[in-house]
Amino acid sequence: MYSPACWLQNKTSLSSVGSATFVHDFSFGFKMQCNGAWPDFNNGSFREEPIKRRAEVLRELHKALQDYDEHVLRCSQMSSLPKAQGRDIESIENWFLANPGAIDQSESAFINHKEDLISIVPKVKSPLRRALERVSGFDLSPLFSMRPSGDFYDPELTRYYNDRKIEKFITAIVVMAGFLMLVAPLWILVFVSGELERLGIITAFVALFLALVSTVTIAKPFDTLAATAAYVSPSSQ
């Protein structure tokens, strides 16, 4: 409860609760008579804000909220990125070893926090390609290696491969495997007369086809089952 004889001037005022007296800080800097009526303010409008300091605070708050929203959005986008692949991390580590002192040790220590590293430009690779890349020198073999035209960075230590050629090679493997999966059971069933033997052959090829689709493609589980069902239909006829 404000004292009835006081004036609220500048930024301070007095109020009493019981026997204690408190000093209130009014950061909005307006003047009001305590024993008089409050002036009428349009609280439903930001444009007609009568208190200048409050309008400034609202503008600062609006800017702060914009910065906060952008920060949250960026964190959300970064959280959706996949973790960095081991090959990429190893490549950066090799660059640090080949160029000691290029980046301060304290600033290059981020490479040790592998669980926090993400891939900025992720590339979805099939399980088959990831398995082949584990083979030493697969993507750097003369079949896939390339030499960029013109000057390029660190030619003695940097090796380049043609990603398009690797994708074509993987596609050729998938096409050949799919062709064999379609033709092989037809030829085998011709030479088998027993019902149980024929059923066993069909079951084996269905399981093999399911494993093949799961390992050589990036199809989702539902798409894998749909492809297997389409494969079973002509085989069972």
Protein backbone atom coordinates (compact mmCIF):
# COMPACT_ATOMS: atom_id res chain seq x y z
CA MET A 1 0.00 0.00 0.00
CA TYR A 2 1.49 3.33 -1.05
CA SER A 3 1.64 6.27 1.32
CA PRO A 4 -1.20 8.70 0.36
CA ALA A 5 0.93 11.82 0.75
CA CYS A 6 3.82 10.81 -1.45
CA TRP A 7 4.51 11.56 -5.09
CA LEU A 8 6.06 8.96 -7.37
CA GLN A 9 8.84 10.94 -8.93
CA ASN A 10 11.55 9.71 -11.30
CA LYS A 11 12.46 6.13 -10.32
CA THR A 12 11.88 5.72 -6.56
CA SER A 13 8.97 5.74 -4.14
CA LEU A 14 8.21 4.70 -0.60
CA SER A 15 5.68 2.19 0.64
CA SER A 16 5.06 0.75 4.06
CA VAL A 17 4.00 -2.72 5.17
CA GLY A 18 3.37 -2.80 8.86
CA SER A 19 6.23 -0.99 10.55
CA ALA A 20 8.71 -1.54 7.70
CA THR A 21 9.33 0.97 4.94
CA PHE A 22 10.53 -0.13 1.49
CA VAL A 23 11.98 1.76 -1.44
CA HIS A 24 10.56 0.78 -4.81
CA ASP A 25 12.48 1.26 -8.05
CA PHE A 26 10.34 2.37 -10.98
CA SER A 27 12.48 1.83 -14.08
CA PHE A 28 9.82 3.29 -16.35
CA GLY A 29 10.42 6.85 -15.13
CA PHE A 30 6.84 8.21 -14.96
CA LYS A 31 5.19 10.55 -12.45
CA MET A 32 1.94 9.82 -10.65
CA GLN A 33 0.15 11.27 -7.65
CA CYS A 34 -0.44 8.56 -5.02
CA ASN A 35 -3.66 9.93 -3.64
CA GLY A 36 -5.04 10.66 -7.07
CA ALA A 37 -6.58 8.42 -9.69
CA TRP A 38 -4.46 6.38 -12.10
CA PRO A 39 -4.48 7.81 -15.61
CA ASP A 40 -6.18 5.79 -18.32
CA PHE A 41 -3.74 3.75 -20.40
CA ASN A 42 -4.48 1.70 -23.51
CA ASN A 43 -2.95 -1.61 -22.41
CA GLY A 44 -4.08 -3.34 -25.59
CA SER A 45 -1.73 -1.49 -27.94
CA PHE A 46 2.03 -1.67 -28.34
CA ARG A 47 2.09 1.24 -30.78
CA GLU A 48 0.41 3.66 -28.36
CA GLU A 49 2.55 2.68 -25.38
CA PRO A 50 2.65 5.77 -23.09
CA ILE A 51 5.67 4.62 -21.07
CA LYS A 52 8.79 5.13 -23.15
CA ARG A 53 11.03 2.89 -21.07
CA ARG A 54 8.56 0.02 -21.26
CA ALA A 55 8.42 0.33 -25.05
CA GLU A 56 12.22 0.15 -25.17
CA VAL A 57 12.21 -2.95 -22.95
CA LEU A 58 9.64 -4.61 -25.21
CA ARG A 59 11.77 -3.90 -28.28
CA GLU A 60 14.82 -5.38 -26.55
CA LEU A 61 12.75 -8.37 -25.50
CA HIS A 62 11.51 -8.89 -29.06
CA LYS A 63 15.09 -8.92 -30.35
CA ALA A 64 16.16 -11.31 -27.59
CA LEU A 65 13.30 -13.68 -28.41
CA GLN A 66 14.26 -13.63 -32.09
CA ASP A 67 17.85 -14.55 -31.21
CA TYR A 68 16.61 -17.28 -28.88
CA ASP A 69 14.28 -18.73 -31.53
CA GLU A 70 17.09 -18.79 -34.10
CA HIS A 71 19.35 -20.53 -31.59
CA VAL A 72 16.70 -23.17 -30.83
CA LEU A 73 16.07 -23.71 -34.56
CA ARG A 74 19.77 -24.16 -35.28
CA CYS A 75 20.13 -26.60 -32.39
CA SER A 76 17.17 -28.57 -33.72
CA GLN A 77 18.65 -28.70 -37.22
CA MET A 78 22.06 -29.75 -35.93
CA SER A 79 20.53 -32.45 -33.74
CA SER A 80 18.96 -34.01 -36.82
CA LEU A 81 22.33 -34.35 -38.58
CA PRO A 82 24.00 -37.77 -38.38
CA LYS A 83 27.22 -38.39 -36.52
CA ALA A 84 30.47 -38.04 -38.40
CA GLN A 85 31.71 -41.24 -39.97
CA GLY A 86 34.90 -42.80 -38.74
CA ARG A 87 36.58 -42.46 -42.13
CA ASP A 88 35.96 -38.70 -42.15
CA ILE A 89 37.31 -38.31 -38.62
CA GLU A 90 40.37 -40.36 -39.54
CA SER A 91 40.94 -38.17 -42.59
CA ILE A 92 40.97 -35.01 -40.44
CA GLU A 93 43.30 -36.65 -37.92
CA ASN A 94 45.69 -37.54 -40.74
CA TRP A 95 45.60 -33.93 -41.93
CA PHE A 96 46.53 -32.72 -38.44
CA LEU A 97 49.45 -35.17 -38.40
CA ALA A 98 50.62 -34.12 -41.86
CA ASN A 99 50.36 -30.40 -41.00
CA PRO A 100 51.57 -29.99 -37.41
CA GLY A 101 51.11 -26.51 -36.04
CA ALA A 102 48.67 -25.42 -38.75
CA ILE A 103 45.96 -25.21 -36.10
CA ASP A 104 46.67 -24.61 -32.43
CA GLN A 105 46.59 -27.81 -30.41
CA SER A 106 43.97 -26.49 -28.00
CA GLU A 107 41.69 -25.57 -30.92
CA SER A 108 42.17 -28.86 -32.75
CA ALA A 109 41.33 -30.91 -29.66
CA PHE A 110 37.72 -31.09 -30.83
CA ILE A 111 38.67 -34.09 -32.96
CA ASN A 112 39.05 -36.12 -29.76
CA HIS A 113 35.36 -35.68 -28.90
CA LYS A 114 34.16 -38.11 -31.55
CA GLU A 115 30.72 -38.55 -30.00
CA ASP A 116 29.99 -34.83 -30.51
CA LEU A 117 31.11 -34.59 -34.15
CA ILE A 118 28.47 -34.40 -36.87
CA SER A 119 28.46 -34.57 -40.64
CA ILE A 120 27.58 -31.21 -42.20
CA VAL A 121 26.92 -32.68 -45.66
CA PRO A 122 25.86 -36.27 -44.95
CA LYS A 123 25.80 -38.85 -47.71
CA VAL A 124 23.56 -41.88 -47.34
CA LYS A 125 25.49 -45.02 -48.21
CA SER A 126 24.18 -48.53 -48.57
CA PRO A 127 25.43 -51.25 -46.22
CA LEU A 128 27.15 -52.89 -49.19
CA ARG A 129 29.15 -49.77 -49.96
CA ARG A 130 30.11 -49.29 -46.31
CA ALA A 131 31.28 -52.89 -46.21
CA LEU A 132 33.35 -52.47 -49.37
CA GLU A 133 34.88 -49.24 -48.07
CA ARG A 134 36.18 -51.14 -45.06
CA VAL A 135 38.32 -53.10 -47.49
CA SER A 136 41.70 -51.41 -47.55
CA GLY A 137 42.16 -49.32 -50.67
CA PHE A 138 38.79 -50.15 -52.26
CA ASP A 139 37.74 -46.59 -53.07
CA LEU A 140 41.34 -45.57 -53.81
CA SER A 141 42.00 -48.32 -56.33
CA PRO A 142 42.97 -47.27 -59.87
CA LEU A 143 39.46 -48.22 -60.96
CA PHE A 144 37.90 -45.39 -58.92
CA SER A 145 40.75 -42.95 -58.31
CA MET A 146 40.76 -39.60 -60.05
CA ARG A 147 43.01 -36.60 -60.43
CA PRO A 148 41.30 -33.20 -60.41
CA SER A 149 42.14 -30.87 -63.25
CA GLY A 150 44.28 -27.86 -62.47
CA ASP A 151 45.88 -27.13 -59.13
CA PHE A 152 44.49 -28.96 -56.14
CA TYR A 153 45.33 -29.10 -52.47
CA ASP A 154 48.33 -31.11 -51.22
CA PRO A 155 48.74 -33.49 -54.19
CA GLU A 156 51.42 -35.57 -52.42
CA LEU A 157 49.23 -36.57 -49.48
CA THR A 158 45.67 -36.15 -50.74
CA ARG A 159 44.02 -38.87 -52.81
CA TYR A 160 40.74 -38.41 -54.64
CA TYR A 161 38.17 -40.93 -55.77
CA ASN A 162 35.29 -40.69 -58.22
CA ASP A 163 32.11 -41.14 -56.22
CA ARG A 164 30.01 -41.54 -59.36
CA LYS A 165 32.10 -44.49 -60.53
CA ILE A 166 31.72 -46.19 -57.16
CA GLU A 167 27.95 -45.73 -57.25
CA LYS A 168 27.83 -47.23 -60.75
CA PHE A 169 29.90 -50.19 -59.57
CA ILE A 170 27.53 -50.77 -56.62
CA THR A 171 24.53 -50.48 -58.94
CA ALA A 172 26.03 -53.07 -61.29
CA ILE A 173 26.49 -55.48 -58.39
CA VAL A 174 22.88 -54.98 -57.29
CA VAL A 175 21.54 -55.52 -60.82
CA MET A 176 23.57 -58.68 -61.34
CA ALA A 177 22.57 -60.08 -57.95
CA GLY A 178 18.91 -59.28 -58.62
CA PHE A 179 19.06 -60.96 -62.02
CA LEU A 180 20.55 -64.12 -60.52
CA MET A 181 17.95 -64.13 -57.76
CA LEU A 182 15.19 -64.06 -60.38
CA VAL A 183 16.61 -66.59 -62.83
CA ALA A 184 18.42 -69.09 -60.60
CA PRO A 185 15.36 -70.49 -58.76
CA LEU A 186 13.51 -70.99 -62.06
CA TRP A 187 16.29 -73.19 -63.43
CA ILE A 188 16.71 -75.08 -60.17
CA LEU A 189 12.99 -75.83 -59.82
CA VAL A 190 12.95 -77.38 -63.29
CA PHE A 191 15.22 -80.18 -62.09
CA VAL A 192 13.43 -80.75 -58.75
CA SER A 193 10.19 -82.73 -58.62
CA GLY A 194 9.51 -83.23 -54.92
CA GLU A 195 7.10 -80.79 -53.29
CA LEU A 196 9.15 -80.45 -50.09
CA GLU A 197 12.35 -79.89 -52.05
CA ARG A 198 10.69 -77.23 -54.20
CA LEU A 199 9.25 -75.55 -51.11
CA GLY A 200 12.67 -75.59 -49.47
CA ILE A 201 14.30 -74.01 -52.52
CA ILE A 202 11.68 -71.25 -52.67
CA THR A 203 12.05 -70.56 -48.95
CA ALA A 204 15.83 -70.39 -49.23
CA PHE A 205 15.75 -67.95 -52.13
CA VAL A 206 13.13 -65.77 -50.42
CA ALA A 207 15.32 -65.54 -47.32
CA LEU A 208 18.36 -64.85 -49.49
CA PHE A 209 16.50 -62.13 -51.40
CA LEU A 210 15.40 -60.47 -48.15
CA ALA A 211 18.98 -60.49 -46.87
CA LEU A 212 20.23 -59.16 -50.20
CA VAL A 213 17.80 -56.24 -50.30
CA SER A 214 18.58 -55.38 -46.67
CA THR A 215 22.33 -55.29 -47.21
CA VAL A 216 22.85 -53.81 -50.66
CA THR A 217 20.21 -51.07 -50.61
CA ILE A 218 19.16 -48.25 -48.31
CA ALA A 219 15.50 -49.27 -48.40
CA LYS A 220 13.44 -48.98 -45.25
CA PRO A 221 12.20 -52.18 -43.55
CA PHE A 222 8.66 -51.77 -44.91
CA ASP A 223 9.97 -51.26 -48.45
CA THR A 224 12.19 -54.32 -48.02
CA LEU A 225 9.23 -56.49 -47.04
CA ALA A 226 7.17 -55.12 -49.94
CA ALA A 227 9.94 -55.97 -52.40
CA THR A 228 10.23 -59.46 -50.91
CA ALA A 229 6.48 -60.00 -51.23
CA ALA A 230 6.65 -58.98 -54.89
CA TYR A 231 9.52 -61.43 -55.35
CA VAL A 232 7.58 -64.28 -53.73
CA SER A 233 4.47 -63.87 -55.92
CA PRO A 234 5.95 -65.04 -59.25
CA SER A 235 8.16 -67.61 -57.53
CA SER A 236 5.21 -69.36 -55.91
CA GLN A 237 3.24 -69.69 -59.14
